[in-house]
């Protein structure tokens, strides 16, 4: 079939070369971004703890629920088996209702995800030359686009300039 012979088959060699070469990330930029995110998260934590009147583990849904719904007496939106929900939907509802602490917790979670999933995730997978080697899949999507995995480079947030990918 001409599609296979002229496009799909030759693309296999291009993708193989791309996988072997890897995608280079600016290591200094990632380190600076990590430092910046940690500083922002620290500032958010201080503001959250000030509003709450106590420090607590922001990664503990139980402790967050205790602060929001018991200590601060906010109206719970939904329950889970173990208590009140502090999922994104709940916090967004509270934030849209004008609750500053919920807004700050959402922002902290967003930055925490950027730091853990993307910055540290990319750093973990870098080789000594600062390159990340992913696997490109020709038939991984229903739309016919390429996809990648281990790591999935398509999920990197680039719209706000978070990542600096260089040609090399």
N, C-alpha and C. Protein backbone atom coordinates (compact mmCIF):
# COMPACT_ATOMS: atom_id res chain seq x y z
N UNK A 1 0.84 -1.17 0.00
CA UNK A 1 0.00 0.00 0.00
C UNK A 1 0.89 1.25 0.00
N UNK A 2 0.63 2.24 -0.82
CA UNK A 2 1.49 3.43 -0.94
C UNK A 2 1.64 4.21 0.37
N UNK A 3 0.58 4.31 1.17
CA UNK A 3 0.66 5.04 2.44
C UNK A 3 1.72 4.40 3.34
N UNK A 4 1.70 3.09 3.44
CA UNK A 4 2.68 2.40 4.26
C UNK A 4 4.08 2.54 3.67
N UNK A 5 4.20 2.29 2.37
CA UNK A 5 5.52 2.29 1.73
C UNK A 5 6.16 3.68 1.69
N UNK A 6 5.36 4.72 1.48
CA UNK A 6 5.91 6.07 1.30
C UNK A 6 5.97 6.91 2.57
N UNK A 7 5.14 6.58 3.55
CA UNK A 7 5.10 7.42 4.75
C UNK A 7 5.39 6.63 6.02
N UNK A 8 4.57 5.63 6.32
CA UNK A 8 4.68 4.93 7.60
C UNK A 8 6.01 4.19 7.77
N UNK A 9 6.41 3.44 6.77
CA UNK A 9 7.65 2.66 6.88
C UNK A 9 8.88 3.56 6.99
N UNK A 10 9.05 4.57 6.12
CA UNK A 10 10.22 5.45 6.29
C UNK A 10 10.23 6.19 7.63
N UNK A 11 9.04 6.46 8.17
CA UNK A 11 8.96 7.18 9.45
C UNK A 11 9.55 6.35 10.59
N UNK A 12 9.51 5.04 10.49
CA UNK A 12 10.07 4.17 11.52
C UNK A 12 11.54 4.53 11.78
N UNK A 13 12.30 4.76 10.74
CA UNK A 13 13.73 5.07 10.87
C UNK A 13 13.94 6.45 11.47
N UNK A 14 13.09 7.40 11.11
CA UNK A 14 13.16 8.75 11.68
C UNK A 14 12.89 8.70 13.19
N UNK A 15 11.84 7.98 13.57
CA UNK A 15 11.49 7.89 14.98
C UNK A 15 12.57 7.15 15.77
N UNK A 16 13.14 6.12 15.20
CA UNK A 16 14.22 5.39 15.85
C UNK A 16 15.39 6.34 16.14
N UNK A 17 15.73 7.15 15.16
CA UNK A 17 16.82 8.11 15.31
C UNK A 17 16.50 9.13 16.40
N UNK A 18 15.26 9.61 16.40
CA UNK A 18 14.84 10.57 17.42
C UNK A 18 14.90 9.96 18.82
N UNK A 19 14.47 8.72 18.95
CA UNK A 19 14.50 8.05 20.25
C UNK A 19 15.93 7.88 20.74
N UNK A 20 16.81 7.45 19.85
CA UNK A 20 18.21 7.24 20.23
C UNK A 20 18.89 8.54 20.62
N UNK A 21 18.62 9.60 19.84
CA UNK A 21 19.25 10.89 20.11
C UNK A 21 18.70 11.52 21.38
N UNK A 22 17.39 11.43 21.59
CA UNK A 22 16.75 12.00 22.78
C UNK A 22 16.41 13.47 22.60
N UNK A 23 15.70 13.97 23.57
CA UNK A 23 15.30 15.37 23.60
C UNK A 23 16.11 16.04 24.70
N UNK A 24 16.82 17.10 24.34
CA UNK A 24 17.66 17.77 25.33
C UNK A 24 16.85 18.79 26.10
N UNK A 25 17.02 18.77 27.42
CA UNK A 25 16.41 19.76 28.29
C UNK A 25 17.52 20.61 28.89
N UNK A 26 17.21 21.87 29.12
CA UNK A 26 18.14 22.81 29.73
C UNK A 26 18.16 22.53 31.23
N UNK A 27 19.19 21.85 31.68
CA UNK A 27 19.27 21.43 33.09
C UNK A 27 19.29 22.61 34.05
N UNK A 28 20.02 23.66 33.71
CA UNK A 28 20.08 24.84 34.59
C UNK A 28 18.70 25.48 34.71
N UNK A 29 17.99 25.54 33.59
CA UNK A 29 16.65 26.10 33.59
C UNK A 29 15.73 25.28 34.49
N UNK A 30 15.82 23.96 34.41
CA UNK A 30 15.01 23.09 35.26
C UNK A 30 15.35 23.28 36.74
N UNK A 31 16.64 23.40 37.06
CA UNK A 31 17.05 23.63 38.46
C UNK A 31 16.50 24.95 38.96
N UNK A 32 16.59 25.99 38.12
CA UNK A 32 16.06 27.31 38.51
C UNK A 32 14.55 27.25 38.70
N UNK A 33 13.89 26.52 37.80
CA UNK A 33 12.44 26.39 37.92
C UNK A 33 12.07 25.63 39.19
N UNK A 34 12.83 24.60 39.51
CA UNK A 34 12.59 23.84 40.74
C UNK A 34 12.72 24.75 41.95
N UNK A 35 13.77 25.55 41.97
CA UNK A 35 13.99 26.48 43.09
C UNK A 35 12.84 27.49 43.18
N UNK A 36 12.43 28.03 42.03
CA UNK A 36 11.34 29.01 42.00
C UNK A 36 10.03 28.39 42.49
N UNK A 37 9.73 27.18 42.02
CA UNK A 37 8.50 26.51 42.46
C UNK A 37 8.52 26.24 43.96
N UNK A 38 9.66 25.81 44.48
CA UNK A 38 9.76 25.54 45.92
C UNK A 38 9.56 26.82 46.73
N UNK A 39 10.11 27.93 46.24
CA UNK A 39 9.93 29.22 46.93
C UNK A 39 8.46 29.64 46.91
N UNK A 40 7.81 29.50 45.75
CA UNK A 40 6.39 29.85 45.65
C UNK A 40 5.55 28.96 46.56
N UNK A 41 5.87 27.66 46.58
CA UNK A 41 5.12 26.73 47.43
C UNK A 41 5.31 27.08 48.91
N UNK A 42 6.51 27.46 49.28
CA UNK A 42 6.79 27.84 50.67
C UNK A 42 5.96 29.06 51.05
N UNK A 43 5.90 30.05 50.15
CA UNK A 43 5.09 31.24 50.41
C UNK A 43 3.61 30.91 50.53
N UNK A 44 3.13 30.01 49.67
CA UNK A 44 1.73 29.59 49.74
C UNK A 44 1.45 28.86 51.06
N UNK A 45 2.37 27.99 51.45
CA UNK A 45 2.21 27.26 52.72
C UNK A 45 2.10 28.24 53.88
N UNK A 46 2.98 29.23 53.91
CA UNK A 46 2.95 30.21 55.00
C UNK A 46 1.62 30.95 55.05
N UNK A 47 1.11 31.35 53.88
CA UNK A 47 -0.16 32.05 53.82
C UNK A 47 -1.32 31.14 54.23
N UNK A 48 -1.30 29.89 53.78
CA UNK A 48 -2.34 28.92 54.15
C UNK A 48 -2.34 28.70 55.66
N UNK A 49 -1.16 28.50 56.23
CA UNK A 49 -1.05 28.25 57.67
C UNK A 49 -1.47 29.48 58.47
N UNK A 50 -1.18 30.67 57.95
CA UNK A 50 -1.60 31.91 58.62
C UNK A 50 -3.12 31.99 58.67
N UNK A 51 -3.77 31.71 57.53
CA UNK A 51 -5.23 31.76 57.47
C UNK A 51 -5.83 30.68 58.37
N UNK A 52 -5.24 29.50 58.36
CA UNK A 52 -5.75 28.38 59.16
C UNK A 52 -5.47 28.55 60.65
N UNK A 53 -4.47 29.33 60.96
CA UNK A 53 -4.10 29.51 62.37
C UNK A 53 -3.27 28.35 62.91
N UNK A 54 -2.81 27.48 62.03
CA UNK A 54 -1.99 26.34 62.43
C UNK A 54 -1.34 25.73 61.19
N UNK A 55 -0.24 25.04 61.41
CA UNK A 55 0.37 24.33 60.29
C UNK A 55 -0.18 22.90 60.27
N UNK A 56 -0.21 22.32 59.09
CA UNK A 56 -0.71 20.96 58.90
C UNK A 56 -0.14 20.43 57.61
N UNK A 57 -0.33 19.15 57.36
CA UNK A 57 0.21 18.50 56.17
C UNK A 57 -0.74 18.75 54.99
N UNK A 58 -0.29 19.57 54.04
CA UNK A 58 -1.12 19.90 52.87
C UNK A 58 -1.34 18.70 51.96
N UNK A 59 -0.54 17.65 52.12
CA UNK A 59 -0.70 16.44 51.31
C UNK A 59 -1.63 15.42 51.96
N UNK A 60 -2.16 15.77 53.11
CA UNK A 60 -3.06 14.86 53.82
C UNK A 60 -4.51 15.33 53.65
N UNK A 61 -5.29 14.63 52.83
CA UNK A 61 -6.69 15.02 52.66
C UNK A 61 -7.44 15.09 54.00
N UNK A 62 -7.09 14.19 54.92
CA UNK A 62 -7.75 14.17 56.22
C UNK A 62 -7.44 15.46 57.00
N UNK A 63 -6.18 15.87 57.01
CA UNK A 63 -5.80 17.08 57.74
C UNK A 63 -6.37 18.33 57.06
N UNK A 64 -6.36 18.35 55.73
CA UNK A 64 -6.93 19.49 54.99
C UNK A 64 -8.42 19.60 55.30
N UNK A 65 -9.13 18.46 55.29
CA UNK A 65 -10.56 18.44 55.59
C UNK A 65 -10.81 18.92 57.02
N UNK A 66 -9.99 18.48 57.94
CA UNK A 66 -10.13 18.90 59.34
C UNK A 66 -10.03 20.42 59.46
N UNK A 67 -9.05 21.00 58.80
CA UNK A 67 -8.87 22.45 58.86
C UNK A 67 -10.04 23.18 58.19
N UNK A 68 -10.39 22.75 56.98
CA UNK A 68 -11.43 23.47 56.23
C UNK A 68 -12.81 23.34 56.86
N UNK A 69 -13.18 22.11 57.21
CA UNK A 69 -14.57 21.86 57.56
C UNK A 69 -14.85 21.79 59.06
N UNK A 70 -13.80 21.58 59.86
CA UNK A 70 -14.00 21.57 61.31
C UNK A 70 -13.50 22.88 61.92
N UNK A 71 -12.21 23.15 61.70
CA UNK A 71 -11.62 24.35 62.30
C UNK A 71 -12.19 25.65 61.72
N UNK A 72 -12.25 25.74 60.36
CA UNK A 72 -12.74 26.97 59.73
C UNK A 72 -14.24 26.95 59.48
N UNK A 73 -14.87 25.81 59.73
CA UNK A 73 -16.32 25.65 59.62
C UNK A 73 -16.89 26.00 58.24
N UNK A 74 -16.13 25.63 57.19
CA UNK A 74 -16.65 25.80 55.83
C UNK A 74 -17.68 24.71 55.56
N UNK A 75 -18.60 25.00 54.67
CA UNK A 75 -19.65 24.03 54.35
C UNK A 75 -19.07 22.95 53.42
N UNK A 76 -19.11 21.69 53.86
CA UNK A 76 -18.59 20.61 53.00
C UNK A 76 -19.46 20.43 51.76
N UNK A 77 -18.83 20.04 50.66
CA UNK A 77 -19.53 19.84 49.40
C UNK A 77 -19.94 18.38 49.24
N UNK A 78 -19.00 17.47 49.52
CA UNK A 78 -19.31 16.04 49.41
C UNK A 78 -18.45 15.25 50.39
N UNK A 79 -18.88 14.03 50.61
CA UNK A 79 -18.20 13.14 51.55
C UNK A 79 -17.51 12.00 50.80
N UNK A 80 -16.50 11.46 51.46
CA UNK A 80 -15.87 10.23 50.99
C UNK A 80 -16.08 9.21 52.11
N UNK A 81 -15.61 7.99 51.92
CA UNK A 81 -15.72 6.98 52.97
C UNK A 81 -15.02 7.39 54.25
N UNK A 82 -13.95 8.15 54.10
CA UNK A 82 -13.15 8.50 55.28
C UNK A 82 -13.45 9.89 55.82
N UNK A 83 -14.40 10.61 55.23
CA UNK A 83 -14.72 11.94 55.74
C UNK A 83 -15.13 12.88 54.62
N UNK A 84 -14.81 14.14 54.79
CA UNK A 84 -15.16 15.15 53.79
C UNK A 84 -14.15 15.16 52.65
N UNK A 85 -14.63 15.37 51.45
CA UNK A 85 -13.77 15.41 50.27
C UNK A 85 -13.00 16.72 50.19
N UNK A 86 -11.74 16.62 49.77
CA UNK A 86 -10.93 17.82 49.50
C UNK A 86 -10.37 17.73 48.09
N UNK A 87 -11.13 17.08 47.18
CA UNK A 87 -10.66 16.94 45.81
C UNK A 87 -10.71 18.28 45.08
N UNK A 88 -10.22 18.28 43.86
CA UNK A 88 -10.13 19.51 43.08
C UNK A 88 -11.49 20.17 42.87
N UNK A 89 -12.50 19.36 42.61
CA UNK A 89 -13.85 19.90 42.40
C UNK A 89 -14.34 20.63 43.65
N UNK A 90 -14.14 20.03 44.80
CA UNK A 90 -14.56 20.64 46.06
C UNK A 90 -13.81 21.94 46.32
N UNK A 91 -12.49 21.89 46.19
CA UNK A 91 -11.69 23.10 46.43
C UNK A 91 -12.01 24.19 45.43
N UNK A 92 -12.26 23.83 44.18
CA UNK A 92 -12.62 24.82 43.16
C UNK A 92 -13.95 25.48 43.53
N UNK A 93 -14.92 24.69 43.96
CA UNK A 93 -16.21 25.23 44.37
C UNK A 93 -16.02 26.22 45.53
N UNK A 94 -15.22 25.82 46.51
CA UNK A 94 -14.96 26.71 47.65
C UNK A 94 -14.23 27.98 47.21
N UNK A 95 -13.25 27.83 46.32
CA UNK A 95 -12.50 28.99 45.84
C UNK A 95 -13.39 29.95 45.07
N UNK A 96 -14.26 29.40 44.21
CA UNK A 96 -15.18 30.24 43.44
C UNK A 96 -16.21 30.93 44.33
N UNK A 97 -16.42 30.37 45.52
CA UNK A 97 -17.32 30.99 46.49
C UNK A 97 -16.60 32.07 47.30
N UNK A 98 -15.35 32.33 46.94
CA UNK A 98 -14.59 33.39 47.60
C UNK A 98 -13.71 32.94 48.74
N UNK A 99 -13.49 31.64 48.89
CA UNK A 99 -12.67 31.17 50.00
C UNK A 99 -11.19 31.17 49.60
N UNK A 100 -10.45 32.05 50.22
CA UNK A 100 -9.04 32.26 49.88
C UNK A 100 -8.17 31.03 50.18
N UNK A 101 -8.40 30.36 51.29
CA UNK A 101 -7.55 29.22 51.65
C UNK A 101 -7.71 28.10 50.63
N UNK A 102 -8.92 27.87 50.12
CA UNK A 102 -9.13 26.83 49.10
C UNK A 102 -8.39 27.20 47.82
N UNK A 103 -8.43 28.47 47.47
CA UNK A 103 -7.72 28.96 46.29
C UNK A 103 -6.22 28.72 46.43
N UNK A 104 -5.68 29.01 47.60
CA UNK A 104 -4.25 28.82 47.85
C UNK A 104 -3.86 27.34 47.84
N UNK A 105 -4.72 26.49 48.40
CA UNK A 105 -4.43 25.05 48.41
C UNK A 105 -4.42 24.52 46.98
N UNK A 106 -5.36 24.96 46.16
CA UNK A 106 -5.38 24.55 44.74
C UNK A 106 -4.09 24.97 44.04
N UNK A 107 -3.67 26.21 44.27
CA UNK A 107 -2.43 26.70 43.66
C UNK A 107 -1.23 25.88 44.13
N UNK A 108 -1.19 25.56 45.43
CA UNK A 108 -0.10 24.76 45.97
C UNK A 108 -0.07 23.38 45.33
N UNK A 109 -1.24 22.77 45.16
CA UNK A 109 -1.32 21.45 44.53
C UNK A 109 -0.84 21.50 43.07
N UNK A 110 -1.21 22.56 42.37
CA UNK A 110 -0.79 22.72 40.98
C UNK A 110 0.74 22.81 40.89
N UNK A 111 1.33 23.63 41.74
CA UNK A 111 2.79 23.77 41.74
C UNK A 111 3.47 22.47 42.17
N UNK A 112 2.88 21.78 43.13
CA UNK A 112 3.43 20.51 43.60
C UNK A 112 3.43 19.49 42.46
N UNK A 113 2.38 19.47 41.67
CA UNK A 113 2.31 18.55 40.53
C UNK A 113 3.37 18.92 39.48
N UNK A 114 3.51 20.20 39.19
CA UNK A 114 4.54 20.64 38.25
C UNK A 114 5.91 20.19 38.72
N UNK A 115 6.18 20.39 40.00
CA UNK A 115 7.48 20.04 40.55
C UNK A 115 7.71 18.53 40.53
N UNK A 116 6.78 17.78 41.05
CA UNK A 116 6.97 16.34 41.18
C UNK A 116 6.87 15.57 39.88
N UNK A 117 5.83 15.85 39.12
CA UNK A 117 5.59 15.08 37.90
C UNK A 117 6.49 15.53 36.77
N UNK A 118 6.62 16.81 36.58
CA UNK A 118 7.34 17.29 35.42
C UNK A 118 8.81 17.58 35.70
N UNK A 119 9.12 18.47 36.60
CA UNK A 119 10.52 18.84 36.84
C UNK A 119 11.32 17.64 37.34
N UNK A 120 10.91 17.06 38.46
CA UNK A 120 11.66 15.92 39.01
C UNK A 120 11.56 14.70 38.09
N UNK A 121 10.40 14.53 37.45
CA UNK A 121 10.22 13.41 36.53
C UNK A 121 11.18 13.49 35.34
N UNK A 122 11.33 14.68 34.79
CA UNK A 122 12.26 14.87 33.67
C UNK A 122 13.69 14.71 34.16
N UNK A 123 14.03 15.35 35.28
CA UNK A 123 15.39 15.25 35.81
C UNK A 123 15.79 13.79 36.06
N UNK A 124 14.85 12.99 36.56
CA UNK A 124 15.12 11.58 36.84
C UNK A 124 15.46 10.79 35.58
N UNK A 125 14.87 11.19 34.47
CA UNK A 125 15.04 10.43 33.23
C UNK A 125 16.14 10.98 32.32
N UNK A 126 16.81 12.04 32.74
CA UNK A 126 17.88 12.61 31.92
C UNK A 126 19.12 11.75 31.96
N UNK A 127 19.77 11.65 30.80
CA UNK A 127 21.07 10.99 30.80
C UNK A 127 22.14 12.04 31.11
N UNK A 128 23.40 11.63 31.07
CA UNK A 128 24.49 12.55 31.45
C UNK A 128 24.63 13.74 30.51
N UNK A 129 24.06 13.67 29.30
CA UNK A 129 24.14 14.80 28.37
C UNK A 129 22.91 15.71 28.45
N UNK A 130 22.02 15.44 29.42
CA UNK A 130 20.83 16.27 29.57
C UNK A 130 19.70 15.89 28.63
N UNK A 131 19.79 14.71 28.05
CA UNK A 131 18.76 14.26 27.11
C UNK A 131 17.84 13.24 27.75
N UNK A 132 16.59 13.29 27.31
CA UNK A 132 15.58 12.34 27.77
C UNK A 132 15.20 11.49 26.56
N UNK A 133 15.23 10.19 26.76
CA UNK A 133 14.92 9.27 25.66
C UNK A 133 13.53 8.69 25.88
N UNK A 134 12.62 9.07 25.02
CA UNK A 134 11.25 8.61 25.09
C UNK A 134 11.03 7.55 24.01
N UNK A 135 9.87 6.95 24.01
CA UNK A 135 9.47 6.02 22.95
C UNK A 135 8.34 6.68 22.18
N UNK A 136 8.52 6.86 20.89
CA UNK A 136 7.49 7.45 20.04
C UNK A 136 6.64 6.34 19.44
N UNK A 137 5.34 6.53 19.49
CA UNK A 137 4.40 5.54 18.98
C UNK A 137 3.69 6.08 17.74
N UNK A 138 3.85 5.39 16.64
CA UNK A 138 3.20 5.80 15.39
C UNK A 138 1.71 5.57 15.42
N UNK A 139 1.28 4.52 16.08
CA UNK A 139 -0.13 4.16 16.05
C UNK A 139 -0.77 4.26 17.43
N UNK A 140 -0.27 5.19 18.24
CA UNK A 140 -0.73 5.29 19.61
C UNK A 140 -2.00 6.09 19.81
N UNK A 141 -2.47 6.79 18.78
CA UNK A 141 -3.68 7.60 18.93
C UNK A 141 -4.67 7.30 17.82
N UNK A 142 -5.93 7.55 18.12
CA UNK A 142 -6.98 7.33 17.12
C UNK A 142 -6.92 8.38 16.01
N UNK A 143 -6.32 9.54 16.30
CA UNK A 143 -6.28 10.62 15.32
C UNK A 143 -5.12 10.50 14.35
N UNK A 144 -4.19 9.58 14.61
CA UNK A 144 -3.05 9.41 13.72
C UNK A 144 -1.84 10.23 14.11
N UNK A 145 -1.94 11.00 15.20
CA UNK A 145 -0.79 11.76 15.66
C UNK A 145 0.19 10.85 16.37
N UNK A 146 1.43 11.31 16.46
CA UNK A 146 2.42 10.58 17.25
C UNK A 146 2.10 10.75 18.72
N UNK A 147 2.45 9.76 19.49
CA UNK A 147 2.41 9.89 20.93
C UNK A 147 3.75 9.42 21.47
N UNK A 148 4.00 9.70 22.72
CA UNK A 148 5.25 9.25 23.33
C UNK A 148 4.96 8.71 24.71
N UNK A 149 5.85 7.83 25.16
CA UNK A 149 5.70 7.31 26.51
C UNK A 149 7.05 7.03 27.11
N UNK A 150 7.04 7.01 28.42
CA UNK A 150 8.23 6.74 29.25
C UNK A 150 9.40 7.67 28.95
N UNK A 151 9.25 8.96 29.15
CA UNK A 151 8.08 9.71 29.62
C UNK A 151 7.22 10.21 28.47
N UNK A 152 6.00 10.58 28.82
CA UNK A 152 5.09 11.15 27.84
C UNK A 152 5.40 12.64 27.73
N UNK A 153 6.14 13.01 26.71
CA UNK A 153 6.54 14.41 26.53
C UNK A 153 5.40 15.30 26.06
N UNK A 154 4.30 14.69 25.62
CA UNK A 154 3.16 15.48 25.18
C UNK A 154 2.46 16.17 26.33
N UNK A 155 2.62 15.69 27.53
CA UNK A 155 1.93 16.27 28.68
C UNK A 155 2.70 17.41 29.33
N UNK A 156 3.86 17.75 28.82
CA UNK A 156 4.63 18.83 29.41
C UNK A 156 3.91 20.15 29.19
N UNK A 157 3.71 20.92 30.26
CA UNK A 157 3.04 22.21 30.11
C UNK A 157 4.00 23.23 29.49
N UNK A 158 3.74 23.63 28.28
CA UNK A 158 4.62 24.58 27.60
C UNK A 158 3.93 25.91 27.31
N UNK A 159 2.62 26.01 27.49
CA UNK A 159 1.90 27.21 27.12
C UNK A 159 2.32 28.43 27.93
N UNK A 160 2.80 28.22 29.15
CA UNK A 160 3.23 29.37 29.96
C UNK A 160 4.75 29.48 29.99
N UNK A 161 5.41 28.81 29.07
CA UNK A 161 6.86 28.89 29.01
C UNK A 161 7.54 28.11 30.11
N UNK A 162 6.86 27.12 30.67
CA UNK A 162 7.41 26.38 31.79
C UNK A 162 8.65 25.59 31.44
N UNK A 163 8.74 25.11 30.20
CA UNK A 163 9.86 24.28 29.82
C UNK A 163 10.60 24.89 28.64
N UNK A 164 11.89 24.72 28.66
CA UNK A 164 12.74 25.25 27.63
C UNK A 164 13.38 24.06 26.92
N UNK A 165 12.85 23.72 25.77
CA UNK A 165 13.38 22.60 25.00
C UNK A 165 14.22 23.17 23.86
N UNK A 166 15.47 22.75 23.78
CA UNK A 166 16.37 23.27 22.77
C UNK A 166 16.60 22.26 21.67
N UNK A 167 16.79 22.77 20.49
CA UNK A 167 17.23 21.91 19.40
C UNK A 167 18.71 21.65 19.57
N UNK A 168 19.09 20.41 19.38
CA UNK A 168 20.51 20.11 19.47
C UNK A 168 20.80 18.83 18.74
